[in-house]
Each structure stands twice: as C-alpha cells, then as structure tokens.
Protein backbone atom coordinates (compact mmCIF):
# COMPACT_ATOMS: atom_id res chain seq x y z
CA UNK A 1 15.54 -13.27 0.55
CA UNK A 2 16.15 -13.17 4.30
CA UNK A 3 13.92 -14.97 6.77
CA UNK A 4 11.02 -13.17 8.38
CA UNK A 5 11.57 -11.40 11.67
CA UNK A 6 9.38 -9.42 14.06
CA UNK A 7 10.10 -5.73 14.51
CA UNK A 8 7.86 -3.61 16.74
CA UNK A 9 4.80 -5.70 15.89
CA UNK A 10 5.56 -5.89 12.15
CA UNK A 11 6.63 -9.10 10.43
CA UNK A 12 9.39 -8.07 8.01
CA UNK A 13 11.77 -9.72 5.58
CA UNK A 14 14.55 -8.14 3.58
CA UNK A 15 15.76 -8.52 0.02
CA UNK A 16 18.76 -7.09 -1.78
CA UNK A 17 22.33 -6.34 -0.69
CA UNK A 18 22.81 -5.53 2.98
CA UNK A 19 25.28 -2.76 2.04
CA UNK A 20 23.00 -1.17 -0.57
CA UNK A 21 23.09 2.58 -1.13
CA UNK A 22 19.36 2.91 -0.37
CA UNK A 23 16.58 0.96 1.33
CA UNK A 24 12.85 1.00 0.61
CA UNK A 25 9.98 -0.02 2.90
CA UNK A 26 7.22 -1.89 0.99
CA UNK A 27 3.66 -1.79 2.37
CA UNK A 28 0.99 -4.03 0.74
CA UNK A 29 -2.72 -3.35 0.70
CA UNK A 30 -5.60 -4.46 2.90
CA UNK A 31 -6.01 -8.27 3.05
CA UNK A 32 -2.71 -8.64 1.17
CA UNK A 33 0.60 -9.89 2.52
CA UNK A 34 4.26 -9.28 1.74
CA UNK A 35 3.96 -11.97 -0.96
CA UNK A 36 2.14 -9.46 -3.16
CA UNK A 37 5.50 -7.73 -3.71
CA UNK A 38 7.28 -10.87 -4.96
CA UNK A 39 6.59 -10.05 -8.63
CA UNK A 40 8.00 -6.56 -8.25
CA UNK A 41 11.09 -7.77 -6.38
CA UNK A 42 11.81 -10.26 -9.17
CA UNK A 43 12.15 -7.47 -11.76
CA UNK A 44 15.72 -7.45 -13.17
CA UNK A 45 15.99 -3.67 -12.89
CA UNK A 46 15.51 -3.98 -9.14
CA UNK A 47 17.56 -7.12 -8.53
CA UNK A 48 20.54 -5.46 -10.22
CA UNK A 49 20.16 -2.14 -8.38
CA UNK A 50 21.96 -1.18 -5.18
CA UNK A 51 18.70 -1.12 -3.22
CA UNK A 52 17.67 -3.09 -0.15
CA UNK A 53 13.97 -3.77 0.30
CA UNK A 54 12.17 -4.21 3.61
CA UNK A 55 8.95 -6.07 2.84
CA UNK A 56 6.16 -6.34 5.37
CA UNK A 57 2.48 -7.06 5.89
CA UNK A 58 0.34 -4.38 7.53
CA UNK A 59 -0.40 -5.69 11.05
CA UNK A 60 -3.90 -7.12 11.34
CA UNK A 61 -4.00 -8.44 7.77
CA UNK A 62 -3.22 -11.82 6.17
CA UNK A 63 -3.21 -13.49 9.57
CA UNK A 64 -0.71 -11.14 11.23
CA UNK A 65 -1.34 -9.78 14.74
CA UNK A 66 -3.01 -6.37 14.83
CA UNK A 67 -1.38 -3.42 16.59
CA UNK A 68 -2.98 -2.03 19.74
CA UNK A 69 -3.59 1.20 17.80
CA UNK A 70 -5.12 0.17 14.46
CA UNK A 71 -6.05 3.71 13.41
CA UNK A 72 -4.45 5.02 10.23
CA UNK A 73 -2.45 7.50 12.26
CA UNK A 74 -1.27 4.67 14.53
CA UNK A 75 -0.29 2.48 11.59
CA UNK A 76 1.54 5.36 9.92
CA UNK A 77 3.49 6.26 13.06
CA UNK A 78 4.45 2.63 13.54
CA UNK A 79 5.40 2.18 9.86
CA UNK A 80 7.53 5.31 10.00
CA UNK A 81 9.39 3.91 13.02
CA UNK A 82 10.04 0.62 11.19
CA UNK A 83 11.37 2.58 8.21
CA UNK A 84 13.72 4.66 10.35
CA UNK A 85 14.84 1.75 12.53
CA UNK A 86 15.70 -0.37 9.48
CA UNK A 87 17.39 2.42 7.56
CA UNK A 88 14.78 2.98 4.83
CA UNK A 89 14.96 6.27 2.98
CA UNK A 90 11.89 5.71 0.75
CA UNK A 91 8.46 4.09 1.15
CA UNK A 92 6.30 2.31 -1.43
CA UNK A 93 2.70 1.46 -0.59
CA UNK A 94 -0.12 -0.24 -2.48
CA UNK A 95 -3.82 0.46 -1.86
CA UNK A 96 -4.26 0.65 1.94
CA UNK A 97 -0.48 0.55 2.21
CA UNK A 98 -0.37 3.59 -0.07
CA UNK A 99 -2.68 5.42 2.30
CA UNK A 100 -0.47 4.47 5.25
CA UNK A 101 2.52 5.84 3.31
CA UNK A 102 0.51 8.98 2.45
CA UNK A 103 -0.20 9.53 6.15
CA UNK A 104 3.51 9.07 6.94
CA UNK A 105 4.19 11.85 4.41
CA UNK A 106 1.34 13.97 5.75
CA UNK A 107 2.69 13.75 9.30
CA UNK A 108 5.93 15.35 8.02
CA UNK A 109 8.03 12.99 10.13
CA UNK A 110 9.76 11.24 7.21
CA UNK A 111 11.88 13.10 4.69
CA UNK A 112 12.22 10.46 1.95
CA UNK A 113 10.12 10.07 -1.20
CA UNK A 114 6.98 7.94 -1.35
CA UNK A 115 5.43 5.92 -4.18
CA UNK A 116 1.67 5.58 -3.76
CA UNK A 117 0.15 2.78 -5.84
CA UNK A 118 -3.65 3.15 -6.05
CA UNK A 119 -4.27 5.30 -2.98
CA UNK A 120 -7.73 6.63 -2.14
CA UNK A 121 -7.85 10.38 -1.56
CA UNK A 122 -11.44 10.34 -0.30
CA UNK A 123 -14.24 7.93 0.64
CA UNK A 124 -15.92 8.39 -2.74
CA UNK A 125 -12.71 7.32 -4.51
CA UNK A 126 -12.61 4.02 -2.66
CA UNK A 127 -14.03 0.85 -4.17
CA UNK A 128 -17.66 0.17 -3.25
CA UNK A 129 -16.67 -3.18 -1.78
CA UNK A 130 -15.21 -2.07 1.58
CA UNK A 131 -17.81 0.67 1.93
CA UNK A 132 -20.61 -1.86 1.49
CA UNK A 133 -19.02 -4.36 3.86
CA UNK A 134 -18.63 -1.71 6.54
CA UNK A 135 -22.26 -0.64 6.19
CA UNK A 136 -23.53 -4.23 6.38
CA UNK A 137 -21.31 -5.05 9.35
CA UNK A 138 -23.02 -2.37 11.42
CA UNK A 139 -26.10 -4.59 11.32
CA UNK A 140 -24.59 -8.07 10.92
CA UNK A 141 -21.27 -7.90 12.77
CA UNK A 142 -18.45 -9.90 11.22
CA UNK A 143 -20.76 -12.07 9.08
CA UNK A 144 -20.29 -10.01 5.86
CA UNK A 145 -16.51 -10.27 6.23
CA UNK A 146 -16.67 -13.99 6.96
CA UNK A 147 -18.71 -14.56 3.80
CA UNK A 148 -16.42 -12.28 1.78
CA UNK A 149 -13.35 -14.28 2.76
CA UNK A 150 -15.10 -17.53 1.80
CA UNK A 151 -15.85 -16.14 -1.66
CA UNK A 152 -12.63 -14.24 -2.22
CA UNK A 153 -11.13 -16.81 -4.59
CA UNK A 154 -13.83 -16.56 -7.29
CA UNK A 155 -14.23 -12.82 -6.63
CA UNK A 156 -10.54 -12.10 -7.33
CA UNK A 157 -10.22 -14.46 -10.29
CA UNK A 158 -10.18 -11.72 -12.92
CA UNK A 159 -8.10 -9.24 -10.89
CA UNK A 160 -4.89 -11.23 -10.42
CA UNK A 161 -2.50 -12.57 -13.09
CA UNK A 162 -3.25 -16.26 -13.80
CA UNK A 163 0.25 -17.49 -13.01
CA UNK A 164 0.14 -15.99 -9.51
CA UNK A 165 -3.57 -16.16 -8.75
CA UNK A 166 -3.69 -19.31 -6.61
CA UNK A 167 -0.70 -18.36 -4.46
CA UNK A 168 -1.98 -14.85 -3.81
CA UNK A 169 -5.51 -16.00 -3.01
CA UNK A 170 -4.06 -18.30 -0.35
CA UNK A 171 -2.57 -15.18 1.27
CA UNK A 172 -5.91 -13.37 1.17
CA UNK A 173 -7.69 -16.31 2.77
CA UNK A 174 -5.47 -16.00 5.87
CA UNK A 175 -7.35 -12.91 7.04
CA UNK A 176 -9.35 -12.81 10.26
CA UNK A 177 -12.81 -11.24 9.73
CA UNK A 178 -12.70 -9.47 13.10
CA UNK A 179 -9.40 -7.75 12.29
CA UNK A 180 -10.51 -6.84 8.76
CA UNK A 181 -13.77 -5.38 10.06
CA UNK A 182 -11.94 -3.22 12.60
CA UNK A 183 -9.29 -2.13 10.11
CA UNK A 184 -11.86 -1.19 7.45
CA UNK A 185 -13.87 0.86 9.96
CA UNK A 186 -10.75 2.76 11.10
CA UNK A 187 -9.68 3.38 7.50
CA UNK A 188 -13.03 4.80 6.40
CA UNK A 189 -13.21 6.95 9.53
CA UNK A 190 -9.80 8.35 8.59
CA UNK A 191 -10.98 9.25 5.09
CA UNK A 192 -14.07 10.91 6.54
CA UNK A 193 -12.02 12.99 8.97
CA UNK A 194 -10.03 14.53 6.12
CA UNK A 195 -12.68 14.71 3.40
CA UNK A 196 -9.89 14.80 0.82
CA UNK A 197 -6.23 13.91 1.32
CA UNK A 198 -4.94 15.92 -1.63
CA UNK A 199 -4.01 18.95 0.47
CA UNK A 200 -2.43 16.70 3.12
CA UNK A 201 -0.07 15.22 0.55
CA UNK A 202 0.63 18.49 -1.24
CA UNK A 203 1.29 20.41 1.98
CA UNK A 204 3.72 17.74 3.19
CA UNK A 205 6.36 18.80 0.64
CA UNK A 206 7.20 15.12 0.14
CA UNK A 207 8.46 14.02 -3.27
CA UNK A 208 5.65 11.67 -4.31
CA UNK A 209 4.63 9.46 -7.21
CA UNK A 210 0.88 8.76 -7.35
CA UNK A 211 0.24 5.77 -9.59
CA UNK A 212 -2.98 4.18 -10.89
CA UNK A 213 -3.72 1.38 -13.31
CA UNK A 214 -5.65 2.44 -16.40
CA UNK A 215 -8.59 0.26 -15.29
CA UNK A 216 -8.18 0.78 -11.55
CA UNK A 217 -11.34 0.50 -9.47
CA UNK A 218 -10.00 3.28 -7.23
CA UNK A 219 -11.25 6.61 -8.51
CA UNK A 220 -9.76 10.09 -8.64
CA UNK A 221 -12.11 13.07 -8.91
CA UNK A 222 -11.47 15.84 -11.40
CA UNK A 223 -10.85 18.37 -8.63
CA UNK A 224 -8.46 15.95 -6.93
CA UNK A 225 -6.57 15.36 -10.15
CA UNK A 226 -6.23 19.09 -10.77
CA UNK A 227 -5.03 19.56 -7.19
CA UNK A 228 -2.38 16.86 -7.54
CA UNK A 229 -1.26 18.16 -10.93
CA UNK A 230 -0.74 21.59 -9.34
CA UNK A 231 1.59 20.11 -6.69
CA UNK A 232 5.19 20.65 -7.65
CA UNK A 233 6.29 17.64 -5.58
CA UNK A 234 3.77 15.15 -7.01
CA UNK A 235 4.08 13.12 -10.21
CA UNK A 236 0.86 11.48 -11.45
CA UNK A 237 1.31 8.27 -13.46
CA UNK A 238 -1.18 6.00 -15.23
CA UNK A 239 0.00 2.49 -16.15
CA UNK A 240 -1.79 1.32 -19.33
CA UNK A 241 -3.48 -2.05 -19.68
CA UNK A 242 -3.84 -2.94 -16.02
CA UNK A 243 -6.07 -2.42 -13.02
CA UNK A 244 -5.68 -2.28 -9.27
CA UNK A 245 -2.89 -4.88 -9.05
CA UNK A 246 -0.35 -3.28 -11.36
CA UNK A 247 2.48 -4.39 -9.08
CA UNK A 248 1.60 -8.01 -9.94
CA UNK A 249 0.27 -7.59 -13.46
CA UNK A 250 2.72 -4.94 -14.74
CA UNK A 251 5.67 -4.97 -12.35
CA UNK A 252 8.21 -3.60 -14.86
CA UNK A 253 6.81 -0.03 -15.06
CA UNK A 254 6.24 -0.04 -11.30
CA UNK A 255 9.89 -0.99 -10.82
CA UNK A 256 10.96 1.95 -13.01
CA UNK A 257 8.91 4.32 -10.86
CA UNK A 258 10.48 2.93 -7.69
CA UNK A 259 13.92 3.52 -9.16
CA UNK A 260 12.94 7.07 -10.10
CA UNK A 261 11.97 7.67 -6.48
CA UNK A 262 15.26 6.24 -5.23
CA UNK A 263 17.20 8.30 -7.77
CA UNK A 264 15.49 11.44 -6.50
CA UNK A 265 17.23 10.87 -3.14
CA UNK A 266 20.63 10.78 -4.85
CA UNK A 267 19.82 13.91 -6.81
CA UNK A 268 18.94 15.98 -3.74
C-alpha cells in the first residue's frame, strides 16, 4: 500500500494497481481511521480485482486536522472533490462516512455508485451514544467526550473482532475531544435539518447499496425501509451474524457488495 499523502486537507493512501479499471474512495466512520478498512482491503476478491482504492480518514477524526467547514455538506463537497481529483468512480462509506457518501449522492454532483454501510437516515436511527454525548456536552463542554475517549477500550471490547481489537482501539484513542464534539454537533444538526434522508437518497437517482449488520445498533424505521425498498436504484442488504463493524467482522460479504457496485459501472 502506498504511503500517506495530503490532498485538499484529507490524508489519503492508495491500494491496488495504479492502472486499475476502476477506483473507489473509502470513507470510515466517526472516530475511526483509514485502518478500519484494512480487513476489507485484505480480502482476496478485492486484491485480485482490477480496482484501485483510495483510503482516507474523515478530517477531524483519529487525530487528523479538521476542515474549516466541518458541516456534513462541507465534508461531502470536499470528499466529492477528492474522489474526482483522484479518479474514483465509486464511493464506499461506513457509519458517518456512509452519511457523507449519502450526502455526496444527494447533492447530485457525483455520478458513480455508492455503498452505504450502516448509515443513519434520521436522528432516531442513530445510536443513543452520540445523542447522549451531544446533550451532555451542552452543559459540560468537552468533558463527556474526554471521558468517553478514556473509556473507549473497554466500551468497544465486544464490538470489534478480537484479532484486530487492540490495533483499532489505538486508532480510536487518537481522537481530539474538541473535534469530536464539534463534528457530532454538526452531524446531528444535519439529520435534524432533513428529518429523514430516505427521499434525499431516492431522489438522487444514484445506484446505491444500503447495508446493515443483523445486530447493528443503527436502526431503520419501518417507513424508511418501505421507502428504500420502493427505490429502484437502492439495494437493501442485511449481513447475518454481525453488528455495526461488518467491514471488520465480516469483510468477505462486504467485499462482494463493493464488487457489485463496481460491476454496475461496467454494465452501464
């Protein structure tokens, strides 16, 4: 894998053949870094494919510098520029990264397919954890986030695969509580502005795969599910036997979905 480089405020590294037929931008979730995609990138079906991957960390997380505009719209516009500049014709996002990818699709400024791993379509779908931290921080400032980062190792013990747990927790511990507080506030404000993001995705006309783990702590309301199922451009997928971190715990089926997305470009 190539060394990290800075591109428009994003730290990126690339994997796969430089002359690949297609390239995919990979966006991890909140608190997470590019390292959270290492399990997926090690999948044989991807290493043998003619696909180049551009892996990054969302600015402001895992110790990376935040962008001047940390709103979801600002992150999406910046991510879209990185994708175009580096020749990516598909985007994969996990958790917060999935919501950034969803907003790229919703802005209708990117024509490629998107794979959304555990996105939140509304505030009520989101895990209680960030919602509670945001509420407490309005009274206590960054203290709730500082305490959260001190306890993140034990808190994540059951969520990450044992073989990768220690390495991934080190990445989570790199976060700055001030940046996480600001990013969480902007993210929840974005969800509140839209109420539900189902129509935003459906109206975009973007070929999309919306993927959840069977035991994901991100919810999907019945009305939202029906709305997504009615979208001709959206494929809903549930990965059995895993939770929020399917890309680490069950990377093989995630890899197959990524290849389906890439194949859809060829088929068009």
